[in-house]
Amino acid sequence: MNASHPAVHPVEAPPLTDAANNVPRVRMKDIQGMPGTLGGVALRISQFLFAVAALCVMASTNDFTSVTAFCYLVAAVSLQSVWSLSLAFVDIYALLVKRCLRNSRIVSLFTIGDGVTSTLTFAAACASAGITVLIGNDLNDCARNHCARFETATAMAFISWFTVSPSFLLNFWSLASR
């Protein structure tokens, strides 16, 4: 009996030519506002500018250090401005060298950082708004205080938070859609 055995004479499988199995994977388009896009750079720069405006207006008063909420606002927008400026530089670099910032570790870092800084900025803006309402409406003591400056700094902090939110949501969506 002269039968061939597959172990002795292996047979190669023919290459797959089925078009359904060889479809290339399509990557999601970059949505403006995501890291490494012009929209992302614009969001980061606006975050930075509004945070710096809140910081400068609050620091221009001589008595902000007497209220803890205002000190917290200064600390939160300082952190926000540093974070936004550094990510703006990363986005600009990615655009200049034509790199995609789709690495899951990078997107995770951006998402966590945006989540932390946006939460801190929002909490500080809410606390400052509460104190501003207390001074202006409840105590009627705006004559001795810098109510207009406090309100302006609080408004700038809210606008900074409002511009951080799309960055956080787009990064979180990009991370969750993997």
N, C-alpha and C. Protein backbone atom coordinates (compact mmCIF):
# COMPACT_ATOMS: atom_id res chain seq x y z
N MET A 1 0.83 -1.16 0.00
CA MET A 1 0.00 0.00 0.00
C MET A 1 0.89 1.24 0.00
N ASN A 2 0.84 2.00 -1.05
CA ASN A 2 1.65 3.19 -1.24
C ASN A 2 0.77 4.44 -1.16
N ALA A 3 0.30 4.79 0.00
CA ALA A 3 -0.53 5.99 0.17
C ALA A 3 0.34 7.11 0.72
N SER A 4 0.10 8.30 0.24
CA SER A 4 0.88 9.44 0.76
C SER A 4 0.21 9.97 2.02
N HIS A 5 1.04 10.43 2.90
CA HIS A 5 0.56 10.98 4.15
C HIS A 5 0.82 12.49 4.16
N PRO A 6 -0.11 13.28 4.73
CA PRO A 6 0.08 14.72 4.73
C PRO A 6 1.34 15.15 5.48
N ALA A 7 1.76 14.39 6.43
CA ALA A 7 2.97 14.75 7.16
C ALA A 7 4.19 14.62 6.28
N VAL A 8 4.14 13.74 5.33
CA VAL A 8 5.27 13.53 4.45
C VAL A 8 5.24 14.50 3.29
N HIS A 9 4.07 14.75 2.75
CA HIS A 9 3.91 15.64 1.60
C HIS A 9 2.91 16.74 1.97
N PRO A 10 3.37 17.82 2.63
CA PRO A 10 2.42 18.87 3.05
C PRO A 10 1.85 19.60 1.83
N VAL A 11 0.62 19.97 1.96
CA VAL A 11 -0.06 20.72 0.90
C VAL A 11 -0.27 22.14 1.40
N GLU A 12 0.15 23.08 0.58
CA GLU A 12 -0.03 24.48 0.96
C GLU A 12 -1.45 24.92 0.65
N ALA A 13 -1.98 25.76 1.54
CA ALA A 13 -3.32 26.30 1.32
C ALA A 13 -3.22 27.40 0.27
N PRO A 14 -4.19 27.44 -0.63
CA PRO A 14 -4.16 28.50 -1.64
C PRO A 14 -4.40 29.86 -0.99
N PRO A 15 -3.82 30.90 -1.53
CA PRO A 15 -4.02 32.23 -0.94
C PRO A 15 -5.48 32.65 -1.06
N LEU A 16 -5.92 33.40 -0.06
CA LEU A 16 -7.30 33.87 -0.08
C LEU A 16 -7.45 34.98 -1.12
N THR A 17 -8.44 34.84 -1.95
CA THR A 17 -8.71 35.87 -2.96
C THR A 17 -10.08 36.46 -2.77
N ASP A 18 -10.74 36.08 -1.73
CA ASP A 18 -12.07 36.59 -1.46
C ASP A 18 -11.96 38.08 -1.11
N ALA A 19 -12.68 38.91 -1.82
CA ALA A 19 -12.60 40.36 -1.63
C ALA A 19 -13.12 40.77 -0.27
N ALA A 20 -14.04 40.03 0.30
CA ALA A 20 -14.60 40.39 1.60
C ALA A 20 -13.57 40.26 2.71
N ASN A 21 -12.63 39.35 2.58
CA ASN A 21 -11.63 39.16 3.61
C ASN A 21 -10.45 40.11 3.48
N ASN A 22 -10.27 40.69 2.32
CA ASN A 22 -9.11 41.55 2.07
C ASN A 22 -9.47 43.03 2.05
N VAL A 23 -10.57 43.41 2.66
CA VAL A 23 -10.96 44.81 2.68
C VAL A 23 -10.04 45.56 3.65
N PRO A 24 -9.42 46.63 3.18
CA PRO A 24 -8.55 47.38 4.09
C PRO A 24 -9.39 48.10 5.15
N ARG A 25 -8.81 48.20 6.34
CA ARG A 25 -9.51 48.90 7.41
C ARG A 25 -9.48 50.39 7.15
N VAL A 26 -10.59 51.03 7.37
CA VAL A 26 -10.70 52.46 7.15
C VAL A 26 -10.63 53.16 8.50
N ARG A 27 -9.76 54.12 8.59
CA ARG A 27 -9.64 54.88 9.83
C ARG A 27 -10.65 56.01 9.84
N MET A 28 -11.09 56.34 11.03
CA MET A 28 -12.04 57.43 11.18
C MET A 28 -11.36 58.73 10.80
N LYS A 29 -12.11 59.60 10.16
CA LYS A 29 -11.55 60.89 9.79
C LYS A 29 -11.26 61.72 11.03
N ASP A 30 -10.29 62.59 10.91
CA ASP A 30 -10.00 63.50 12.01
C ASP A 30 -11.10 64.56 12.06
N ILE A 31 -11.74 64.65 13.18
CA ILE A 31 -12.77 65.66 13.40
C ILE A 31 -12.09 66.89 13.96
N GLN A 32 -12.44 68.06 13.44
CA GLN A 32 -11.83 69.28 13.94
C GLN A 32 -12.12 69.44 15.42
N GLY A 33 -11.08 69.67 16.18
CA GLY A 33 -11.18 69.76 17.63
C GLY A 33 -10.43 68.63 18.31
N MET A 34 -10.17 67.56 17.56
CA MET A 34 -9.40 66.44 18.11
C MET A 34 -7.92 66.82 18.12
N PRO A 35 -7.12 66.15 18.92
CA PRO A 35 -5.69 66.46 18.96
C PRO A 35 -5.03 66.30 17.58
N GLY A 36 -4.18 67.23 17.25
CA GLY A 36 -3.46 67.17 16.00
C GLY A 36 -4.20 67.78 14.83
N THR A 37 -5.28 68.53 15.08
CA THR A 37 -6.02 69.20 14.02
C THR A 37 -5.98 70.70 14.26
N LEU A 38 -6.31 71.46 13.23
CA LEU A 38 -6.35 72.92 13.38
C LEU A 38 -7.42 73.33 14.38
N GLY A 39 -8.54 72.62 14.39
CA GLY A 39 -9.58 72.91 15.36
C GLY A 39 -9.11 72.64 16.79
N GLY A 40 -8.30 71.60 16.95
CA GLY A 40 -7.73 71.31 18.27
C GLY A 40 -6.80 72.41 18.74
N VAL A 41 -6.00 72.93 17.82
CA VAL A 41 -5.10 74.04 18.17
C VAL A 41 -5.92 75.27 18.55
N ALA A 42 -6.97 75.54 17.78
CA ALA A 42 -7.82 76.71 18.09
C ALA A 42 -8.48 76.56 19.46
N LEU A 43 -8.97 75.36 19.78
CA LEU A 43 -9.56 75.15 21.11
C LEU A 43 -8.53 75.33 22.21
N ARG A 44 -7.33 74.78 22.01
CA ARG A 44 -6.29 74.89 23.04
C ARG A 44 -5.86 76.34 23.26
N ILE A 45 -5.73 77.08 22.17
CA ILE A 45 -5.32 78.48 22.32
C ILE A 45 -6.42 79.29 22.98
N SER A 46 -7.68 79.02 22.65
CA SER A 46 -8.77 79.76 23.31
C SER A 46 -8.87 79.37 24.79
N GLN A 47 -8.64 78.11 25.11
CA GLN A 47 -8.60 77.70 26.52
C GLN A 47 -7.52 78.48 27.27
N PHE A 48 -6.36 78.54 26.65
CA PHE A 48 -5.23 79.24 27.26
C PHE A 48 -5.54 80.72 27.45
N LEU A 49 -6.06 81.36 26.41
CA LEU A 49 -6.31 82.80 26.49
C LEU A 49 -7.35 83.15 27.54
N PHE A 50 -8.44 82.40 27.61
CA PHE A 50 -9.47 82.70 28.61
C PHE A 50 -8.98 82.40 30.03
N ALA A 51 -8.19 81.35 30.18
CA ALA A 51 -7.64 81.04 31.51
C ALA A 51 -6.66 82.12 31.95
N VAL A 52 -5.83 82.59 31.03
CA VAL A 52 -4.88 83.65 31.37
C VAL A 52 -5.62 84.95 31.66
N ALA A 53 -6.70 85.22 30.91
CA ALA A 53 -7.49 86.42 31.18
C ALA A 53 -8.10 86.36 32.58
N ALA A 54 -8.64 85.21 32.96
CA ALA A 54 -9.20 85.06 34.31
C ALA A 54 -8.11 85.24 35.36
N LEU A 55 -6.95 84.67 35.11
CA LEU A 55 -5.83 84.79 36.04
C LEU A 55 -5.39 86.24 36.19
N CYS A 56 -5.22 86.93 35.09
CA CYS A 56 -4.75 88.32 35.14
C CYS A 56 -5.76 89.24 35.81
N VAL A 57 -7.04 89.06 35.48
CA VAL A 57 -8.06 89.93 36.08
C VAL A 57 -8.14 89.69 37.58
N MET A 58 -8.12 88.43 37.98
CA MET A 58 -8.21 88.13 39.42
C MET A 58 -6.95 88.59 40.14
N ALA A 59 -5.80 88.41 39.54
CA ALA A 59 -4.55 88.82 40.18
C ALA A 59 -4.39 90.34 40.21
N SER A 60 -5.15 91.06 39.39
CA SER A 60 -5.06 92.53 39.40
C SER A 60 -5.74 93.15 40.62
N THR A 61 -6.54 92.38 41.30
CA THR A 61 -7.14 92.89 42.54
C THR A 61 -6.16 92.65 43.68
N ASN A 62 -6.21 93.52 44.66
CA ASN A 62 -5.25 93.38 45.76
C ASN A 62 -5.79 92.54 46.91
N ASP A 63 -7.08 92.19 46.88
CA ASP A 63 -7.65 91.47 48.01
C ASP A 63 -8.23 90.10 47.64
N PHE A 64 -7.82 89.53 46.52
CA PHE A 64 -8.35 88.21 46.17
C PHE A 64 -7.82 87.13 47.11
N THR A 65 -6.68 87.37 47.73
CA THR A 65 -6.10 86.35 48.60
C THR A 65 -6.87 86.19 49.91
N SER A 66 -7.78 87.11 50.21
CA SER A 66 -8.54 87.00 51.45
C SER A 66 -9.71 86.03 51.34
N VAL A 67 -10.03 85.59 50.11
CA VAL A 67 -11.14 84.66 49.89
C VAL A 67 -10.58 83.37 49.29
N THR A 68 -10.86 82.26 49.94
CA THR A 68 -10.32 80.98 49.51
C THR A 68 -10.78 80.59 48.11
N ALA A 69 -12.03 80.87 47.78
CA ALA A 69 -12.55 80.51 46.46
C ALA A 69 -11.80 81.24 45.35
N PHE A 70 -11.42 82.49 45.61
CA PHE A 70 -10.69 83.24 44.60
C PHE A 70 -9.25 82.71 44.46
N CYS A 71 -8.66 82.29 45.56
CA CYS A 71 -7.33 81.66 45.49
C CYS A 71 -7.40 80.36 44.71
N TYR A 72 -8.47 79.62 44.96
CA TYR A 72 -8.69 78.36 44.22
C TYR A 72 -8.87 78.63 42.74
N LEU A 73 -9.58 79.71 42.40
CA LEU A 73 -9.76 80.07 40.99
C LEU A 73 -8.42 80.39 40.34
N VAL A 74 -7.58 81.13 41.04
CA VAL A 74 -6.26 81.48 40.50
C VAL A 74 -5.43 80.21 40.28
N ALA A 75 -5.48 79.29 41.24
CA ALA A 75 -4.71 78.04 41.10
C ALA A 75 -5.25 77.19 39.95
N ALA A 76 -6.57 77.10 39.84
CA ALA A 76 -7.17 76.26 38.80
C ALA A 76 -6.91 76.80 37.40
N VAL A 77 -7.07 78.11 37.22
CA VAL A 77 -6.84 78.65 35.87
C VAL A 77 -5.35 78.69 35.56
N SER A 78 -4.50 78.75 36.57
CA SER A 78 -3.05 78.65 36.31
C SER A 78 -2.73 77.26 35.76
N LEU A 79 -3.26 76.24 36.40
CA LEU A 79 -3.06 74.88 35.91
C LEU A 79 -3.67 74.70 34.53
N GLN A 80 -4.85 75.26 34.32
CA GLN A 80 -5.51 75.16 33.02
C GLN A 80 -4.69 75.83 31.93
N SER A 81 -4.13 76.98 32.24
CA SER A 81 -3.35 77.69 31.21
C SER A 81 -2.07 76.93 30.86
N VAL A 82 -1.41 76.37 31.85
CA VAL A 82 -0.19 75.59 31.58
C VAL A 82 -0.52 74.35 30.75
N TRP A 83 -1.59 73.64 31.14
CA TRP A 83 -2.01 72.43 30.43
C TRP A 83 -2.39 72.75 28.98
N SER A 84 -3.19 73.79 28.80
CA SER A 84 -3.66 74.13 27.45
C SER A 84 -2.52 74.60 26.56
N LEU A 85 -1.62 75.38 27.12
CA LEU A 85 -0.49 75.86 26.32
C LEU A 85 0.42 74.71 25.91
N SER A 86 0.69 73.79 26.83
CA SER A 86 1.56 72.66 26.48
C SER A 86 0.91 71.77 25.43
N LEU A 87 -0.39 71.53 25.53
CA LEU A 87 -1.05 70.72 24.50
C LEU A 87 -1.20 71.47 23.18
N ALA A 88 -1.28 72.79 23.24
CA ALA A 88 -1.29 73.56 21.98
C ALA A 88 0.04 73.38 21.26
N PHE A 89 1.14 73.39 22.02
CA PHE A 89 2.45 73.15 21.40
C PHE A 89 2.54 71.75 20.81
N VAL A 90 1.99 70.76 21.51
CA VAL A 90 2.00 69.39 20.99
C VAL A 90 1.18 69.30 19.71
N ASP A 91 0.02 69.95 19.69
CA ASP A 91 -0.83 69.95 18.49
C ASP A 91 -0.14 70.65 17.32
N ILE A 92 0.49 71.78 17.60
CA ILE A 92 1.20 72.51 16.54
C ILE A 92 2.34 71.66 16.00
N TYR A 93 3.09 71.02 16.87
CA TYR A 93 4.18 70.14 16.43
C TYR A 93 3.64 69.00 15.57
N ALA A 94 2.54 68.40 16.00
CA ALA A 94 1.95 67.30 15.23
C ALA A 94 1.50 67.76 13.86
N LEU A 95 0.99 68.97 13.77
CA LEU A 95 0.59 69.50 12.46
C LEU A 95 1.80 69.80 11.58
N LEU A 96 2.86 70.32 12.18
CA LEU A 96 4.04 70.66 11.39
C LEU A 96 4.75 69.43 10.83
N VAL A 97 4.82 68.36 11.62
CA VAL A 97 5.50 67.16 11.13
C VAL A 97 4.52 66.14 10.55
N LYS A 98 3.25 66.55 10.45
CA LYS A 98 2.19 65.73 9.87
C LYS A 98 2.06 64.37 10.57
N ARG A 99 2.00 64.42 11.89
CA ARG A 99 1.82 63.22 12.70
C ARG A 99 0.39 63.14 13.18
N CYS A 100 -0.09 61.93 13.31
CA CYS A 100 -1.42 61.69 13.83
C CYS A 100 -1.30 61.38 15.33
N LEU A 101 -2.10 62.01 16.12
CA LEU A 101 -2.07 61.78 17.57
C LEU A 101 -3.17 60.80 17.95
N ARG A 102 -3.14 59.62 17.36
CA ARG A 102 -4.16 58.61 17.62
C ARG A 102 -3.67 57.48 18.50
N ASN A 103 -2.50 57.60 19.05
CA ASN A 103 -1.98 56.57 19.95
C ASN A 103 -2.88 56.53 21.19
N SER A 104 -3.28 55.33 21.60
CA SER A 104 -4.23 55.23 22.71
C SER A 104 -3.66 55.77 24.02
N ARG A 105 -2.37 55.66 24.22
CA ARG A 105 -1.76 56.19 25.44
C ARG A 105 -1.79 57.72 25.43
N ILE A 106 -1.52 58.31 24.29
CA ILE A 106 -1.54 59.77 24.19
C ILE A 106 -2.96 60.28 24.38
N VAL A 107 -3.92 59.63 23.73
CA VAL A 107 -5.31 60.06 23.85
C VAL A 107 -5.80 59.86 25.29
N SER A 108 -5.36 58.80 25.94
CA SER A 108 -5.71 58.59 27.35
C SER A 108 -5.16 59.70 28.23
N LEU A 109 -3.91 60.08 27.99
CA LEU A 109 -3.30 61.16 28.75
C LEU A 109 -4.05 62.47 28.53
N PHE A 110 -4.37 62.78 27.27
CA PHE A 110 -5.12 64.00 26.97
C PHE A 110 -6.49 63.98 27.62
N THR A 111 -7.15 62.84 27.59
CA THR A 111 -8.50 62.73 28.15
C THR A 111 -8.48 62.92 29.66
N ILE A 112 -7.56 62.26 30.33
CA ILE A 112 -7.47 62.39 31.79
C ILE A 112 -7.09 63.81 32.17
N GLY A 113 -6.12 64.38 31.48
CA GLY A 113 -5.71 65.76 31.78
C GLY A 113 -6.82 66.76 31.55
N ASP A 114 -7.52 66.61 30.43
CA ASP A 114 -8.65 67.51 30.16
C ASP A 114 -9.76 67.33 31.18
N GLY A 115 -10.01 66.09 31.58
CA GLY A 115 -11.06 65.84 32.58
C GLY A 115 -10.72 66.46 33.92
N VAL A 116 -9.48 66.31 34.34
CA VAL A 116 -9.07 66.87 35.64
C VAL A 116 -9.07 68.39 35.59
N THR A 117 -8.46 68.98 34.58
CA THR A 117 -8.38 70.44 34.53
C THR A 117 -9.75 71.07 34.33
N SER A 118 -10.61 70.44 33.53
CA SER A 118 -11.94 71.02 33.33
C SER A 118 -12.77 70.94 34.60
N THR A 119 -12.63 69.85 35.35
CA THR A 119 -13.36 69.73 36.62
C THR A 119 -12.87 70.77 37.62
N LEU A 120 -11.56 70.94 37.71
CA LEU A 120 -11.02 71.95 38.63
C LEU A 120 -11.44 73.36 38.24
N THR A 121 -11.39 73.67 36.95
CA THR A 121 -11.77 75.00 36.49
C THR A 121 -13.25 75.27 36.73
N PHE A 122 -14.08 74.28 36.43
CA PHE A 122 -15.52 74.46 36.64
C PHE A 122 -15.85 74.62 38.13
N ALA A 123 -15.24 73.82 38.98
CA ALA A 123 -15.48 73.94 40.42
C ALA A 123 -15.02 75.29 40.94
N ALA A 124 -13.88 75.75 40.49
CA ALA A 124 -13.37 77.05 40.93
C ALA A 124 -14.25 78.19 40.44
N ALA A 125 -14.72 78.09 39.21
CA ALA A 125 -15.60 79.13 38.67
C ALA A 125 -16.93 79.15 39.43
N CYS A 126 -17.46 77.98 39.76
CA CYS A 126 -18.71 77.93 40.53
C CYS A 126 -18.53 78.50 41.93
N ALA A 127 -17.43 78.16 42.58
CA ALA A 127 -17.17 78.69 43.92
C ALA A 127 -16.99 80.20 43.88
N SER A 128 -16.29 80.69 42.88
CA SER A 128 -16.08 82.13 42.76
C SER A 128 -17.38 82.85 42.43
N ALA A 129 -18.20 82.22 41.61
CA ALA A 129 -19.51 82.82 41.31
C ALA A 129 -20.36 82.90 42.57
N GLY A 130 -20.31 81.89 43.40
CA GLY A 130 -21.06 81.93 44.65
C GLY A 130 -20.61 83.05 45.56
N ILE A 131 -19.31 83.23 45.67
CA ILE A 131 -18.78 84.30 46.52
C ILE A 131 -19.10 85.66 45.92
N THR A 132 -19.03 85.77 44.61
CA THR A 132 -19.35 87.03 43.95
C THR A 132 -20.81 87.41 44.18
N VAL A 133 -21.70 86.43 44.08
CA VAL A 133 -23.12 86.70 44.35
C VAL A 133 -23.31 87.08 45.82
N LEU A 134 -22.61 86.40 46.71
CA LEU A 134 -22.70 86.72 48.13
C LEU A 134 -22.27 88.16 48.39
N ILE A 135 -21.14 88.56 47.83
CA ILE A 135 -20.64 89.92 48.05
C ILE A 135 -21.55 90.95 47.42
N GLY A 136 -21.97 90.69 46.18
CA GLY A 136 -22.74 91.69 45.44
C GLY A 136 -24.20 91.79 45.83
N ASN A 137 -24.87 90.67 45.87
CA ASN A 137 -26.32 90.69 46.08
C ASN A 137 -26.72 90.57 47.54
N ASP A 138 -26.08 89.67 48.27
CA ASP A 138 -26.51 89.42 49.64
C ASP A 138 -25.94 90.41 50.65
N LEU A 139 -24.69 90.76 50.50
CA LEU A 139 -24.07 91.68 51.44
C LEU A 139 -24.13 93.13 50.97
N ASN A 140 -24.43 93.35 49.71
CA ASN A 140 -24.45 94.70 49.11
C ASN A 140 -23.16 95.46 49.46
N ASP A 141 -22.04 94.79 49.24
CA ASP A 141 -20.76 95.36 49.63
C ASP A 141 -19.84 95.54 48.43
N CYS A 142 -20.40 95.86 47.28
CA CYS A 142 -19.58 96.04 46.08
C CYS A 142 -18.81 97.35 46.10
N ALA A 143 -19.23 98.27 46.92
CA ALA A 143 -18.55 99.56 46.95
C ALA A 143 -17.11 99.40 47.44
N ARG A 144 -16.89 98.52 48.40
CA ARG A 144 -15.55 98.32 48.95
C ARG A 144 -14.77 97.25 48.21
N ASN A 145 -15.45 96.39 47.48
CA ASN A 145 -14.81 95.27 46.80
C ASN A 145 -14.73 95.51 45.30
N HIS A 146 -14.03 94.63 44.64
CA HIS A 146 -13.85 94.72 43.18
C HIS A 146 -14.83 93.77 42.50
N CYS A 147 -16.12 94.03 42.66
CA CYS A 147 -17.13 93.09 42.15
C CYS A 147 -17.03 92.91 40.64
N ALA A 148 -16.81 93.98 39.92
CA ALA A 148 -16.75 93.88 38.45
C ALA A 148 -15.57 93.00 38.03
N ARG A 149 -14.45 93.14 38.69
CA ARG A 149 -13.29 92.32 38.36
C ARG A 149 -13.52 90.86 38.74
N PHE A 150 -14.12 90.65 39.92
CA PHE A 150 -14.41 89.28 40.34
C PHE A 150 -15.37 88.61 39.36
N GLU A 151 -16.39 89.35 38.93
CA GLU A 151 -17.35 88.80 37.97
C GLU A 151 -16.70 88.52 36.63
N THR A 152 -15.82 89.42 36.20
CA THR A 152 -15.13 89.22 34.92
C THR A 152 -14.22 88.00 34.97
N ALA A 153 -13.47 87.86 36.05
CA ALA A 153 -12.58 86.70 36.19
C ALA A 153 -13.38 85.41 36.24
N THR A 154 -14.50 85.44 36.94
CA THR A 154 -15.36 84.25 37.01
C THR A 154 -15.93 83.91 35.64
N ALA A 155 -16.36 84.92 34.91
CA ALA A 155 -16.89 84.68 33.56
C ALA A 155 -15.81 84.11 32.63
N MET A 156 -14.60 84.62 32.73
CA MET A 156 -13.50 84.10 31.89
C MET A 156 -13.19 82.65 32.26
N ALA A 157 -13.28 82.31 33.54
CA ALA A 157 -13.05 80.93 33.95
C ALA A 157 -14.15 80.02 33.41
N PHE A 158 -15.40 80.48 33.42
CA PHE A 158 -16.48 79.68 32.85
C PHE A 158 -16.29 79.49 31.34
N ILE A 159 -15.86 80.54 30.65
CA ILE A 159 -15.64 80.42 29.20
C ILE A 159 -14.47 79.48 28.93
N SER A 160 -13.44 79.55 29.76
CA SER A 160 -12.32 78.61 29.61
C SER A 160 -12.80 77.18 29.80
N TRP A 161 -13.63 76.96 30.81
CA TRP A 161 -14.19 75.61 31.01
C TRP A 161 -15.05 75.20 29.81
N PHE A 162 -15.80 76.14 29.28
CA PHE A 162 -16.66 75.85 28.14
C PHE A 162 -15.84 75.44 26.92
N THR A 163 -14.64 75.97 26.76
CA THR A 163 -13.80 75.58 25.63
C THR A 163 -13.01 74.31 25.90
N VAL A 164 -12.86 73.93 27.17
CA VAL A 164 -12.18 72.67 27.49
C VAL A 164 -13.12 71.49 27.27
N SER A 165 -14.39 71.70 27.48
CA SER A 165 -15.37 70.60 27.39
C SER A 165 -15.37 69.91 26.03
N PRO A 166 -15.37 70.62 24.88
CA PRO A 166 -15.30 69.89 23.61
C PRO A 166 -14.03 69.08 23.45
N SER A 167 -12.91 69.60 23.93
CA SER A 167 -11.66 68.83 23.85
C SER A 167 -11.78 67.54 24.64
N PHE A 168 -12.30 67.63 25.85
CA PHE A 168 -12.46 66.44 26.68
C PHE A 168 -13.42 65.45 26.02
N LEU A 169 -14.55 65.93 25.55
CA LEU A 169 -15.54 65.03 24.96
C LEU A 169 -15.02 64.36 23.69
N LEU A 170 -14.32 65.11 22.84
CA LEU A 170 -13.78 64.51 21.62
C LEU A 170 -12.68 63.50 21.93
N ASN A 171 -11.84 63.80 22.89
CA ASN A 171 -10.81 62.84 23.28
C ASN A 171 -11.43 61.59 23.90
N PHE A 172 -12.42 61.78 24.74
CA PHE A 172 -13.09 60.64 25.38
C PHE A 172 -13.80 59.79 24.33
N TRP A 173 -14.44 60.44 23.38
CA TRP A 173 -15.13 59.72 22.30
C TRP A 173 -14.14 58.95 21.45
N SER A 174 -13.01 59.57 21.14
CA SER A 174 -11.97 58.91 20.35
C SER A 174 -11.41 57.70 21.10
N LEU A 175 -11.24 57.85 22.41
CA LEU A 175 -10.74 56.74 23.22
C LEU A 175 -11.77 55.63 23.33
N ALA A 176 -13.02 55.99 23.48
CA ALA A 176 -14.08 54.98 23.64
C ALA A 176 -14.41 54.27 22.35
N SER A 177 -14.14 54.88 21.22
CA SER A 177 -14.50 54.27 19.94
C SER A 177 -13.44 53.32 19.42
N ARG A 178 -12.42 53.05 20.17
CA ARG A 178 -11.37 52.12 19.73
C ARG A 178 -11.84 50.70 19.80
